């Protein structure tokens, strides 16, 4: 974002990634970082007034739901121990299928962010210099 001209960002690249691995903070900080990335991608100079795509909200909703579901699946399978069974395989398949909506939305989000950043970079390179 800094390469596109964004200044005074709330999240460094390291924090934007690192928050996924910090308990409790991982429940909302990655979402806030993604909102900032979206806004800065659309307009690096006036990002505070930009609106965020509903896709960011959908992505985070699916992230939380999938994470919670997979947590409970993991706890459930630990209860049964290491003995593989048809039931546990079915639960594992359901867990994998539950990730599909998240993956689709994440792909769309990355595509749209890339398009926004490309558009911003193109406009920035075509703008007259203020030298």
N, C-alpha and C. Protein backbone atom coordinates (compact mmCIF):
# COMPACT_ATOMS: atom_id res chain seq x y z
N UNK A 1 0.82 -1.18 0.00
CA UNK A 1 0.00 0.00 0.00
C UNK A 1 0.87 1.25 0.00
N UNK A 2 2.00 1.15 0.68
CA UNK A 2 2.89 2.32 0.71
C UNK A 2 3.40 2.65 -0.69
N UNK A 3 3.63 1.63 -1.51
CA UNK A 3 4.10 1.85 -2.88
C UNK A 3 3.05 2.58 -3.72
N UNK A 4 1.78 2.46 -3.32
CA UNK A 4 0.69 3.15 -4.03
C UNK A 4 0.45 4.54 -3.46
N UNK A 5 1.17 4.91 -2.42
CA UNK A 5 1.04 6.25 -1.87
C UNK A 5 0.30 6.34 -0.56
N UNK A 6 -0.08 5.23 0.01
CA UNK A 6 -0.80 5.25 1.29
C UNK A 6 0.18 5.57 2.43
N UNK A 7 -0.22 6.44 3.30
CA UNK A 7 0.59 6.82 4.44
C UNK A 7 -0.24 6.66 5.72
N UNK A 8 0.46 6.61 6.85
CA UNK A 8 -0.19 6.49 8.16
C UNK A 8 -1.13 5.29 8.24
N UNK A 9 -0.67 4.16 7.78
CA UNK A 9 -1.46 2.94 7.87
C UNK A 9 -1.49 2.45 9.31
N UNK A 10 -2.59 1.92 9.73
CA UNK A 10 -2.72 1.41 11.10
C UNK A 10 -1.99 0.08 11.29
N UNK A 11 -1.85 -0.68 10.20
CA UNK A 11 -1.28 -2.02 10.29
C UNK A 11 -0.08 -2.14 9.36
N UNK A 12 1.03 -2.63 9.90
CA UNK A 12 2.18 -2.95 9.07
C UNK A 12 1.89 -4.27 8.37
N UNK A 13 2.62 -4.58 7.31
CA UNK A 13 2.42 -5.89 6.67
C UNK A 13 2.62 -7.06 7.65
N UNK A 14 3.60 -6.93 8.54
CA UNK A 14 3.85 -7.98 9.52
C UNK A 14 2.69 -8.18 10.48
N UNK A 15 2.12 -7.07 10.95
CA UNK A 15 0.96 -7.18 11.86
C UNK A 15 -0.26 -7.73 11.13
N UNK A 16 -0.46 -7.30 9.89
CA UNK A 16 -1.63 -7.78 9.13
C UNK A 16 -1.62 -9.30 9.02
N UNK A 17 -0.44 -9.89 8.89
CA UNK A 17 -0.33 -11.34 8.84
C UNK A 17 -0.27 -11.93 10.24
N UNK A 18 0.50 -11.29 11.12
CA UNK A 18 0.72 -11.82 12.46
C UNK A 18 -0.52 -11.95 13.31
N UNK A 19 -1.50 -11.09 13.08
CA UNK A 19 -2.72 -11.14 13.89
C UNK A 19 -3.47 -12.47 13.76
N UNK A 20 -3.28 -13.17 12.64
CA UNK A 20 -3.93 -14.47 12.48
C UNK A 20 -3.44 -15.48 13.52
N UNK A 21 -2.26 -15.24 14.08
CA UNK A 21 -1.63 -16.20 14.98
C UNK A 21 -1.67 -15.78 16.44
N UNK A 22 -2.32 -14.68 16.75
CA UNK A 22 -2.39 -14.20 18.12
C UNK A 22 -3.79 -14.47 18.67
N UNK A 23 -3.89 -15.37 19.66
CA UNK A 23 -5.21 -15.69 20.20
C UNK A 23 -5.95 -14.42 20.64
N UNK A 24 -7.22 -14.46 20.56
CA UNK A 24 -8.17 -13.39 20.86
C UNK A 24 -8.10 -12.30 19.78
N UNK A 25 -6.93 -11.71 19.55
CA UNK A 25 -6.81 -10.67 18.53
C UNK A 25 -7.15 -11.19 17.14
N UNK A 26 -6.96 -12.49 16.94
CA UNK A 26 -7.24 -13.09 15.64
C UNK A 26 -8.74 -13.12 15.32
N UNK A 27 -9.56 -12.75 16.30
CA UNK A 27 -11.01 -12.74 16.07
C UNK A 27 -11.50 -11.50 15.34
N UNK A 28 -10.71 -10.40 15.35
CA UNK A 28 -11.18 -9.20 14.64
C UNK A 28 -10.09 -8.39 13.96
N UNK A 29 -8.84 -8.50 14.40
CA UNK A 29 -7.78 -7.67 13.83
C UNK A 29 -7.50 -7.97 12.35
N UNK A 30 -7.49 -9.24 11.92
CA UNK A 30 -7.29 -9.47 10.47
C UNK A 30 -8.39 -8.83 9.62
N UNK A 31 -9.60 -8.81 10.15
CA UNK A 31 -10.71 -8.16 9.44
C UNK A 31 -10.45 -6.65 9.31
N UNK A 32 -10.01 -6.03 10.40
CA UNK A 32 -9.71 -4.60 10.36
C UNK A 32 -8.56 -4.31 9.39
N UNK A 33 -7.57 -5.17 9.39
CA UNK A 33 -6.44 -4.99 8.46
C UNK A 33 -6.91 -5.13 7.01
N UNK A 34 -7.79 -6.08 6.75
CA UNK A 34 -8.29 -6.26 5.38
C UNK A 34 -9.13 -5.07 4.94
N UNK A 35 -9.91 -4.52 5.86
CA UNK A 35 -10.67 -3.31 5.53
C UNK A 35 -9.73 -2.17 5.15
N UNK A 36 -8.66 -2.01 5.92
CA UNK A 36 -7.70 -0.96 5.61
C UNK A 36 -7.02 -1.20 4.27
N UNK A 37 -6.68 -2.45 3.99
CA UNK A 37 -6.07 -2.79 2.70
C UNK A 37 -7.02 -2.46 1.56
N UNK A 38 -8.29 -2.79 1.72
CA UNK A 38 -9.29 -2.51 0.69
C UNK A 38 -9.40 -1.00 0.45
N UNK A 39 -9.55 -0.26 1.51
CA UNK A 39 -9.73 1.19 1.39
C UNK A 39 -8.49 1.85 0.78
N UNK A 40 -7.32 1.43 1.20
CA UNK A 40 -6.09 2.01 0.67
C UNK A 40 -5.87 1.58 -0.78
N UNK A 41 -6.37 0.43 -1.16
CA UNK A 41 -6.26 -0.01 -2.55
C UNK A 41 -7.13 0.84 -3.46
N UNK A 42 -8.30 1.22 -2.97
CA UNK A 42 -9.23 2.02 -3.77
C UNK A 42 -8.77 3.47 -3.88
N UNK A 43 -8.26 4.01 -2.77
CA UNK A 43 -7.84 5.42 -2.77
C UNK A 43 -6.81 5.61 -1.65
N UNK A 44 -5.53 5.51 -1.97
CA UNK A 44 -4.51 5.58 -0.92
C UNK A 44 -4.50 6.90 -0.16
N UNK A 45 -4.88 7.99 -0.77
CA UNK A 45 -4.83 9.30 -0.11
C UNK A 45 -6.06 9.58 0.75
N UNK A 46 -7.23 9.14 0.32
CA UNK A 46 -8.46 9.45 1.05
C UNK A 46 -9.17 8.23 1.55
N UNK A 47 -8.41 7.27 2.06
CA UNK A 47 -9.00 5.97 2.41
C UNK A 47 -9.96 6.01 3.59
N UNK A 48 -9.88 7.01 4.43
CA UNK A 48 -10.77 7.05 5.60
C UNK A 48 -12.23 7.20 5.18
N UNK A 49 -12.47 7.83 4.04
CA UNK A 49 -13.84 8.05 3.60
C UNK A 49 -14.34 6.95 2.67
N UNK A 50 -13.45 6.07 2.22
CA UNK A 50 -13.86 5.00 1.30
C UNK A 50 -14.73 3.97 2.00
N UNK A 51 -15.61 3.39 1.22
CA UNK A 51 -16.41 2.29 1.74
C UNK A 51 -15.71 0.98 1.40
N UNK A 52 -15.96 -0.01 2.20
CA UNK A 52 -15.39 -1.33 1.98
C UNK A 52 -16.41 -2.20 1.25
N UNK A 53 -15.93 -3.04 0.39
CA UNK A 53 -16.80 -3.96 -0.34
C UNK A 53 -17.48 -4.93 0.62
N UNK A 54 -18.73 -5.28 0.36
CA UNK A 54 -19.39 -6.31 1.18
C UNK A 54 -18.64 -7.65 1.13
N UNK A 55 -17.83 -7.82 0.10
CA UNK A 55 -17.05 -9.05 -0.03
C UNK A 55 -16.10 -9.24 1.16
N UNK A 56 -15.59 -8.14 1.70
CA UNK A 56 -14.71 -8.23 2.87
C UNK A 56 -15.48 -8.80 4.06
N UNK A 57 -16.70 -8.34 4.25
CA UNK A 57 -17.54 -8.86 5.33
C UNK A 57 -17.89 -10.33 5.14
N UNK A 58 -18.21 -10.71 3.91
CA UNK A 58 -18.51 -12.11 3.62
C UNK A 58 -17.28 -12.99 3.85
N UNK A 59 -16.13 -12.50 3.41
CA UNK A 59 -14.90 -13.25 3.62
C UNK A 59 -14.68 -13.49 5.11
N UNK A 60 -14.83 -12.44 5.91
CA UNK A 60 -14.58 -12.60 7.35
C UNK A 60 -15.63 -13.49 8.02
N UNK A 61 -16.87 -13.35 7.60
CA UNK A 61 -17.93 -14.21 8.15
C UNK A 61 -17.62 -15.68 7.88
N UNK A 62 -17.27 -15.99 6.64
CA UNK A 62 -16.93 -17.38 6.30
C UNK A 62 -15.66 -17.83 7.03
N UNK A 63 -14.72 -16.92 7.23
CA UNK A 63 -13.49 -17.27 7.95
C UNK A 63 -13.82 -17.69 9.38
N UNK A 64 -14.62 -16.89 10.05
CA UNK A 64 -14.98 -17.19 11.45
C UNK A 64 -15.80 -18.47 11.53
N UNK A 65 -16.80 -18.60 10.67
CA UNK A 65 -17.65 -19.80 10.70
C UNK A 65 -16.85 -21.07 10.41
N UNK A 66 -15.99 -21.01 9.41
CA UNK A 66 -15.18 -22.17 9.05
C UNK A 66 -14.20 -22.50 10.17
N UNK A 67 -13.59 -21.49 10.75
CA UNK A 67 -12.65 -21.72 11.85
C UNK A 67 -13.34 -22.36 13.05
N UNK A 68 -14.51 -21.84 13.40
CA UNK A 68 -15.25 -22.40 14.54
C UNK A 68 -15.68 -23.83 14.24
N UNK A 69 -16.20 -24.07 13.05
CA UNK A 69 -16.64 -25.41 12.69
C UNK A 69 -15.46 -26.39 12.74
N UNK A 70 -14.33 -26.00 12.17
CA UNK A 70 -13.17 -26.89 12.16
C UNK A 70 -12.59 -27.10 13.54
N UNK A 71 -12.71 -26.11 14.41
CA UNK A 71 -12.28 -26.29 15.80
C UNK A 71 -13.12 -27.38 16.47
N UNK A 72 -14.42 -27.31 16.29
CA UNK A 72 -15.29 -28.31 16.91
C UNK A 72 -15.10 -29.68 16.29
N UNK A 73 -14.84 -29.73 14.99
CA UNK A 73 -14.56 -31.02 14.35
C UNK A 73 -13.29 -31.62 14.93
N UNK A 74 -12.27 -30.80 15.09
CA UNK A 74 -11.01 -31.29 15.66
C UNK A 74 -11.21 -31.81 17.08
N UNK A 75 -11.95 -31.07 17.89
CA UNK A 75 -12.23 -31.51 19.26
C UNK A 75 -13.04 -32.82 19.27
N UNK A 76 -13.97 -32.91 18.35
CA UNK A 76 -14.82 -34.10 18.25
C UNK A 76 -13.99 -35.32 17.86
N UNK A 77 -13.10 -35.15 16.87
CA UNK A 77 -12.29 -36.28 16.43
C UNK A 77 -11.28 -36.69 17.48
N UNK A 78 -10.78 -35.75 18.27
CA UNK A 78 -9.87 -36.11 19.36
C UNK A 78 -10.57 -36.99 20.39
N UNK A 79 -11.86 -36.78 20.55
CA UNK A 79 -12.65 -37.58 21.49
C UNK A 79 -12.64 -39.06 21.10
N UNK A 80 -12.61 -39.32 19.79
CA UNK A 80 -12.64 -40.69 19.31
C UNK A 80 -11.26 -41.33 19.22
N UNK A 81 -10.21 -40.55 19.43
CA UNK A 81 -8.86 -41.10 19.40
C UNK A 81 -8.35 -41.31 17.98
N UNK A 82 -7.36 -42.15 17.85
CA UNK A 82 -6.67 -42.34 16.58
C UNK A 82 -7.27 -43.46 15.74
N UNK A 83 -8.38 -44.04 16.16
CA UNK A 83 -8.98 -45.14 15.42
C UNK A 83 -9.80 -44.60 14.24
N UNK A 84 -9.30 -44.82 13.01
CA UNK A 84 -10.06 -44.32 11.86
C UNK A 84 -11.37 -45.09 11.70
N UNK A 85 -12.36 -44.37 11.31
CA UNK A 85 -13.66 -45.01 11.06
C UNK A 85 -14.33 -44.29 9.91
N UNK A 86 -15.33 -44.92 9.38
CA UNK A 86 -16.08 -44.31 8.29
C UNK A 86 -16.71 -43.00 8.75
N UNK A 87 -17.21 -42.98 9.97
CA UNK A 87 -17.85 -41.77 10.49
C UNK A 87 -16.87 -40.60 10.56
N UNK A 88 -15.66 -40.87 11.07
CA UNK A 88 -14.67 -39.80 11.18
C UNK A 88 -14.23 -39.32 9.80
N UNK A 89 -14.16 -40.21 8.84
CA UNK A 89 -13.83 -39.80 7.47
C UNK A 89 -14.93 -38.91 6.90
N UNK A 90 -16.17 -39.25 7.20
CA UNK A 90 -17.29 -38.43 6.73
C UNK A 90 -17.24 -37.04 7.36
N UNK A 91 -16.93 -36.98 8.63
CA UNK A 91 -16.80 -35.68 9.32
C UNK A 91 -15.68 -34.88 8.68
N UNK A 92 -14.58 -35.53 8.35
CA UNK A 92 -13.46 -34.86 7.70
C UNK A 92 -13.86 -34.31 6.33
N UNK A 93 -14.62 -35.06 5.58
CA UNK A 93 -15.10 -34.61 4.26
C UNK A 93 -16.02 -33.40 4.43
N UNK A 94 -16.90 -33.46 5.40
CA UNK A 94 -17.80 -32.32 5.67
C UNK A 94 -16.98 -31.09 6.04
N UNK A 95 -15.93 -31.29 6.82
CA UNK A 95 -15.06 -30.18 7.20
C UNK A 95 -14.40 -29.57 5.96
N UNK A 96 -13.94 -30.42 5.06
CA UNK A 96 -13.32 -29.92 3.82
C UNK A 96 -14.32 -29.16 2.96
N UNK A 97 -15.52 -29.68 2.85
CA UNK A 97 -16.56 -29.03 2.04
C UNK A 97 -16.96 -27.69 2.66
N UNK A 98 -16.91 -27.59 3.98
CA UNK A 98 -17.28 -26.34 4.65
C UNK A 98 -16.34 -25.20 4.28
N UNK A 99 -15.15 -25.54 3.81
CA UNK A 99 -14.18 -24.50 3.43
C UNK A 99 -14.43 -23.93 2.02
N UNK A 100 -15.25 -24.59 1.23
CA UNK A 100 -15.47 -24.14 -0.14
C UNK A 100 -15.99 -22.71 -0.24
N UNK A 101 -17.04 -22.33 0.48
CA UNK A 101 -17.50 -20.93 0.36
C UNK A 101 -16.41 -19.93 0.74
N UNK A 102 -15.64 -20.23 1.79
CA UNK A 102 -14.55 -19.35 2.19
C UNK A 102 -13.53 -19.22 1.07
N UNK A 103 -13.17 -20.33 0.46
CA UNK A 103 -12.17 -20.29 -0.60
C UNK A 103 -12.66 -19.52 -1.82
N UNK A 104 -13.92 -19.70 -2.19
CA UNK A 104 -14.47 -18.96 -3.33
C UNK A 104 -14.46 -17.46 -3.05
N UNK A 105 -14.93 -17.07 -1.87
CA UNK A 105 -14.97 -15.64 -1.52
C UNK A 105 -13.55 -15.08 -1.42
N UNK A 106 -12.62 -15.85 -0.87
CA UNK A 106 -11.23 -15.38 -0.75
C UNK A 106 -10.62 -15.15 -2.13
N UNK A 107 -10.90 -16.04 -3.07
CA UNK A 107 -10.39 -15.87 -4.44
C UNK A 107 -10.97 -14.61 -5.07
N UNK A 108 -12.28 -14.41 -4.91
CA UNK A 108 -12.91 -13.20 -5.45
C UNK A 108 -12.34 -11.95 -4.80
N UNK A 109 -12.10 -12.00 -3.52
CA UNK A 109 -11.54 -10.85 -2.79
C UNK A 109 -10.15 -10.51 -3.31
N UNK A 110 -9.32 -11.50 -3.48
CA UNK A 110 -7.96 -11.27 -3.98
C UNK A 110 -8.00 -10.72 -5.41
N UNK A 111 -8.89 -11.26 -6.24
CA UNK A 111 -9.02 -10.77 -7.61
C UNK A 111 -9.44 -9.30 -7.62
N UNK A 112 -10.42 -8.95 -6.80
CA UNK A 112 -10.89 -7.56 -6.78
C UNK A 112 -9.85 -6.62 -6.18
N UNK A 113 -9.14 -7.07 -5.16
CA UNK A 113 -8.07 -6.25 -4.59
C UNK A 113 -6.96 -6.02 -5.61
N UNK A 114 -6.62 -7.06 -6.33
CA UNK A 114 -5.60 -6.92 -7.37
C UNK A 114 -6.03 -5.93 -8.44
N UNK A 115 -7.30 -6.01 -8.84
CA UNK A 115 -7.82 -5.08 -9.84
C UNK A 115 -7.80 -3.65 -9.32
N UNK A 116 -8.20 -3.45 -8.07
CA UNK A 116 -8.17 -2.12 -7.47
C UNK A 116 -6.75 -1.57 -7.41
N UNK A 117 -5.82 -2.39 -6.99
CA UNK A 117 -4.44 -1.95 -6.88
C UNK A 117 -3.84 -1.65 -8.26
N UNK A 118 -4.19 -2.47 -9.23
CA UNK A 118 -3.71 -2.23 -10.60
C UNK A 118 -4.26 -0.90 -11.13
N UNK A 119 -5.54 -0.67 -10.90
CA UNK A 119 -6.17 0.58 -11.34
C UNK A 119 -5.52 1.78 -10.65
N UNK A 120 -5.31 1.69 -9.34
CA UNK A 120 -4.68 2.78 -8.59
C UNK A 120 -3.26 3.03 -9.07
N UNK A 121 -2.51 1.96 -9.29
CA UNK A 121 -1.13 2.11 -9.76
C UNK A 121 -1.10 2.74 -11.15
N UNK A 122 -2.02 2.35 -12.01
CA UNK A 122 -2.09 2.92 -13.36
C UNK A 122 -2.43 4.39 -13.32
N UNK A 123 -3.40 4.75 -12.50
CA UNK A 123 -3.78 6.16 -12.37
C UNK A 123 -2.63 6.98 -11.80
N UNK A 124 -1.93 6.40 -10.85
CA UNK A 124 -0.81 7.10 -10.21
C UNK A 124 0.32 7.32 -11.22
N UNK A 125 0.58 6.34 -12.07
CA UNK A 125 1.67 6.49 -13.03
C UNK A 125 1.30 7.46 -14.16
N UNK A 126 0.01 7.65 -14.41
CA UNK A 126 -0.44 8.56 -15.47
C UNK A 126 -0.69 9.98 -14.97
N UNK A 127 -0.70 10.15 -13.66
CA UNK A 127 -0.94 11.49 -13.09
C UNK A 127 0.24 12.40 -13.37
N UNK A 128 -0.04 13.68 -13.64
CA UNK A 128 1.07 14.61 -13.87
C UNK A 128 1.88 14.81 -12.59
N UNK A 129 3.15 14.93 -12.75
CA UNK A 129 4.06 15.12 -11.62
C UNK A 129 3.92 16.53 -11.05
N UNK A 130 4.00 16.65 -9.74
CA UNK A 130 3.89 17.95 -9.07
C UNK A 130 5.27 18.52 -8.74
N UNK A 131 6.24 18.26 -9.58
CA UNK A 131 7.59 18.75 -9.29
C UNK A 131 7.73 20.18 -9.64
